[in-house]
Amino acid sequence: MKKSIRNLAVAAGGASAAFALAVSPASAVPSTVWTVSPSPASITAVNSGNIVLSVNGIAMTCTKSNGSGTGASTTGNPATVGQITSIAFGATGAPCTSVLGNVTTVPTTPWTIVAQDYAAGVTKGYVGNVDAKVTVGACVFRVTGKASASYTNSTGALAVNSVAGELTVVSSTNCGSAVPVGAKPTFKGTYLFKAGTAIPTIVGSNP
């Protein structure tokens, strides 16, 4: 009898542990209240390091890039906490370059800054509504989609680090097999945000 009770206790304990493992991940509630400070905010951004768009192994690199936009508190998940209303790639005397020649990029804005997860001062999400026409010599192509990103409050750094499949070449002229329609570019780089002289912050919480 004692052995049966002991076996029952072990089985019950194992079942409880399994139940806890099954329930714990589901009990984590994603942030739905997003507090942007200041709000509303007028934001400027400048690159820190190179900004790189890569297509089929061809890197298109910009040493200069800057932008501006807005930020505001909101609710929901995913939630748009900011908009990029203007962004430039390259500058006078510092064009974006590639092995195919200089690169000119004309974005169609606004792009969105979308928040999905928050922990320890870091918001994870993506830059959405990406739409840009890229010209390299006679080759002209259009890229649309989104790019995974994270924002760190302590530094004001928006680190864009897209993965293959988030962005797609939706049109291509005079590019041949180098940049065909359907190609999946990646977009990587870091921008430093400022709201006036202050670093804006994003905090996610639950009601």
Protein backbone atom coordinates (compact mmCIF):
# COMPACT_ATOMS: atom_id res chain seq x y z
CA MET A 1 0.00 0.00 0.00
CA LYS A 2 2.80 2.44 0.91
CA LYS A 3 4.46 1.73 -2.45
CA SER A 4 1.20 2.42 -4.28
CA ILE A 5 0.73 5.71 -2.43
CA ARG A 6 4.33 6.71 -3.15
CA ASN A 7 3.90 5.92 -6.85
CA LEU A 8 0.67 7.90 -6.92
CA ALA A 9 2.40 10.89 -5.29
CA VAL A 10 5.25 10.76 -7.82
CA ALA A 11 2.79 10.55 -10.70
CA ALA A 12 0.77 13.45 -9.29
CA GLY A 13 3.92 15.52 -8.84
CA GLY A 14 4.98 14.80 -12.42
CA ALA A 15 1.56 15.75 -13.72
CA SER A 16 1.65 19.01 -11.75
CA ALA A 17 5.08 19.89 -13.14
CA ALA A 18 3.94 19.12 -16.68
CA PHE A 19 0.85 21.28 -16.16
CA ALA A 20 3.01 24.14 -14.84
CA LEU A 21 5.32 23.92 -17.85
CA ALA A 22 2.35 23.93 -20.19
CA VAL A 23 0.66 26.87 -18.50
CA SER A 24 3.63 29.14 -17.71
CA PRO A 25 4.43 30.32 -21.27
CA ALA A 26 0.77 31.00 -21.95
CA SER A 27 0.47 33.06 -18.77
CA ALA A 28 3.00 35.63 -20.02
CA VAL A 29 0.83 38.48 -21.28
CA PRO A 30 2.36 40.69 -24.00
CA SER A 31 2.47 44.44 -23.46
CA THR A 32 -0.64 46.27 -24.62
CA VAL A 33 -0.05 49.76 -23.21
CA TRP A 34 2.83 51.66 -24.78
CA THR A 35 4.09 54.84 -23.14
CA VAL A 36 6.28 56.99 -25.36
CA SER A 37 8.07 59.87 -23.66
CA PRO A 38 7.79 62.63 -24.67
CA SER A 39 4.41 62.15 -26.32
CA PRO A 40 3.71 63.33 -28.88
CA ALA A 41 7.35 63.53 -29.90
CA SER A 42 9.09 65.04 -32.89
CA ILE A 43 12.00 62.71 -33.59
CA THR A 44 15.19 63.00 -35.62
CA ALA A 45 17.51 60.10 -36.39
CA VAL A 46 21.03 59.68 -37.72
CA ASN A 47 22.85 56.46 -38.57
CA SER A 48 25.49 54.93 -36.32
CA GLY A 49 27.69 52.79 -38.57
CA ASN A 50 26.85 51.63 -42.06
CA ILE A 51 23.34 51.03 -43.37
CA VAL A 52 23.28 48.02 -45.70
CA LEU A 53 20.68 46.66 -48.12
CA SER A 54 21.76 43.27 -49.45
CA VAL A 55 20.20 41.52 -52.44
CA ASN A 56 21.44 38.14 -53.69
CA GLY A 57 24.82 38.71 -52.08
CA ILE A 58 25.17 42.24 -53.44
CA ALA A 59 25.67 44.73 -50.60
CA MET A 60 24.46 48.28 -51.13
CA THR A 61 26.12 50.33 -48.41
CA CYS A 62 25.37 53.83 -47.11
CA THR A 63 27.79 55.54 -44.74
CA LYS A 64 25.34 58.41 -44.25
CA SER A 65 21.62 58.22 -43.57
CA ASN A 66 19.18 60.32 -41.58
CA GLY A 67 15.49 60.67 -40.99
CA SER A 68 12.72 62.30 -39.02
CA GLY A 69 9.31 61.37 -37.74
CA THR A 70 6.95 61.27 -34.80
CA GLY A 71 6.26 59.13 -31.76
CA ALA A 72 3.22 58.80 -29.52
CA SER A 73 1.81 56.64 -26.73
CA THR A 74 -0.78 54.10 -27.80
CA THR A 75 -2.42 50.78 -26.93
CA GLY A 76 -2.61 47.40 -28.63
CA ASN A 77 -0.29 44.65 -29.77
CA PRO A 78 1.20 45.02 -32.28
CA ALA A 79 1.06 48.79 -31.89
CA THR A 80 2.38 51.64 -34.01
CA VAL A 81 4.40 53.81 -31.60
CA GLY A 82 6.01 55.97 -34.26
CA GLN A 83 6.16 56.98 -37.88
CA ILE A 84 9.16 57.70 -40.09
CA THR A 85 7.94 60.54 -42.26
CA SER A 86 11.23 61.29 -43.98
CA ILE A 87 14.37 59.22 -44.54
CA ALA A 88 17.41 59.79 -46.75
CA PHE A 89 20.14 57.41 -47.81
CA GLY A 90 23.50 58.87 -48.77
CA ALA A 91 24.60 62.50 -48.71
CA THR A 92 26.48 64.99 -50.86
CA GLY A 93 30.01 63.66 -51.17
CA ALA A 94 29.03 60.36 -49.53
CA PRO A 95 26.82 58.39 -51.93
CA CYS A 96 25.63 54.87 -51.20
CA THR A 97 27.78 52.37 -53.10
CA SER A 98 27.84 48.79 -54.40
CA VAL A 99 29.91 46.65 -56.77
CA LEU A 100 27.39 47.63 -59.46
CA GLY A 101 27.98 51.36 -58.91
CA ASN A 102 26.50 54.16 -56.82
CA VAL A 103 23.07 53.56 -55.34
CA THR A 104 20.17 56.02 -55.16
CA THR A 105 17.19 55.21 -52.94
CA VAL A 106 13.87 57.06 -53.02
CA PRO A 107 11.59 55.95 -50.17
CA THR A 108 7.83 56.29 -50.11
CA THR A 109 6.85 57.25 -46.57
CA PRO A 110 5.51 57.07 -43.93
CA TRP A 111 7.18 53.95 -42.62
CA THR A 112 5.93 52.75 -39.24
CA ILE A 113 7.68 51.78 -36.02
CA VAL A 114 5.73 48.87 -34.55
CA ALA A 115 6.12 47.56 -30.99
CA GLN A 116 5.40 43.96 -30.03
CA ASP A 117 7.43 43.06 -26.94
CA TYR A 118 9.11 44.93 -24.07
CA ALA A 119 11.60 43.90 -21.39
CA ALA A 120 14.31 45.69 -19.40
CA GLY A 121 14.25 48.89 -21.42
CA VAL A 122 14.24 47.22 -24.84
CA THR A 123 11.27 47.18 -27.21
CA LYS A 124 11.20 44.58 -29.95
CA GLY A 125 9.11 44.86 -33.09
CA TYR A 126 9.66 45.98 -36.64
CA VAL A 127 9.80 48.85 -39.10
CA GLY A 128 6.69 48.43 -41.22
CA ASN A 129 5.24 49.79 -44.43
CA VAL A 130 8.75 49.85 -45.98
CA ASP A 131 8.57 50.99 -49.60
CA ALA A 132 11.55 52.24 -51.61
CA LYS A 133 12.72 52.53 -55.21
CA VAL A 134 16.40 51.71 -55.62
CA THR A 135 18.48 52.67 -58.65
CA VAL A 136 21.90 51.18 -59.41
CA GLY A 137 23.13 52.24 -62.85
CA ALA A 138 20.45 51.13 -65.32
CA CYS A 139 18.92 48.74 -62.79
CA VAL A 140 15.83 50.01 -61.02
CA PHE A 141 13.89 47.94 -58.49
CA ARG A 142 11.27 48.45 -55.79
CA VAL A 143 11.38 46.89 -52.32
CA THR A 144 8.40 46.59 -49.97
CA GLY A 145 7.67 44.86 -46.67
CA LYS A 146 8.96 45.17 -43.13
CA ALA A 147 12.23 44.82 -41.21
CA SER A 148 12.67 43.40 -37.71
CA ALA A 149 14.04 45.95 -35.24
CA SER A 150 14.63 46.69 -31.57
CA TYR A 151 14.78 49.99 -29.68
CA THR A 152 16.93 50.54 -26.57
CA ASN A 153 15.85 53.32 -24.21
CA SER A 154 19.25 53.89 -22.62
CA THR A 155 20.97 54.69 -25.92
CA GLY A 156 18.12 55.76 -28.19
CA ALA A 157 19.32 53.19 -30.72
CA LEU A 158 16.92 51.66 -33.21
CA ALA A 159 18.71 48.56 -34.49
CA VAL A 160 17.21 47.30 -37.75
CA ASN A 161 18.09 43.70 -38.51
CA SER A 162 15.72 42.19 -41.02
CA VAL A 163 15.66 38.53 -41.94
CA ALA A 164 15.19 37.03 -45.40
CA GLY A 165 11.52 36.97 -46.34
CA GLU A 166 10.43 40.18 -44.63
CA LEU A 167 11.29 42.36 -47.63
CA THR A 168 10.52 41.53 -51.25
CA VAL A 169 11.53 42.96 -54.63
CA VAL A 170 8.13 43.61 -56.23
CA SER A 171 9.32 45.18 -59.49
CA SER A 172 12.60 45.14 -61.39
CA THR A 173 13.77 46.81 -64.60
CA ASN A 174 17.10 46.21 -66.37
CA CYS A 175 18.40 44.22 -63.39
CA GLY A 176 18.50 40.74 -64.93
CA SER A 177 19.27 37.88 -62.56
CA ALA A 178 21.12 40.18 -60.15
CA VAL A 179 17.90 41.60 -58.68
CA PRO A 180 14.88 39.66 -59.98
CA VAL A 181 11.28 40.12 -58.94
CA GLY A 182 10.69 37.99 -55.87
CA ALA A 183 14.20 38.43 -54.46
CA LYS A 184 14.31 38.72 -50.66
CA PRO A 185 16.67 41.54 -49.60
CA THR A 186 17.84 42.18 -46.05
CA PHE A 187 18.15 45.62 -44.46
CA LYS A 188 20.51 46.18 -41.53
CA GLY A 189 21.76 49.21 -39.64
CA THR A 190 21.39 51.32 -36.51
CA TYR A 191 19.85 54.77 -36.07
CA LEU A 192 20.20 57.01 -33.01
CA PHE A 193 16.98 58.80 -32.05
CA LYS A 194 16.57 62.20 -30.44
CA ALA A 195 13.52 64.22 -29.42
CA GLY A 196 15.07 67.67 -29.31
CA THR A 197 18.11 67.13 -27.08
CA ALA A 198 16.57 64.22 -25.17
CA ILE A 199 16.51 60.51 -25.95
CA PRO A 200 12.90 59.35 -26.37
CA THR A 201 11.81 56.24 -24.46
CA ILE A 202 9.27 53.50 -25.06
CA VAL A 203 7.85 51.47 -22.17
CA GLY A 204 5.44 48.56 -22.59
CA SER A 205 3.10 47.43 -19.81
CA ASN A 206 -0.25 45.81 -19.15
CA PRO A 207 -3.37 47.54 -17.82
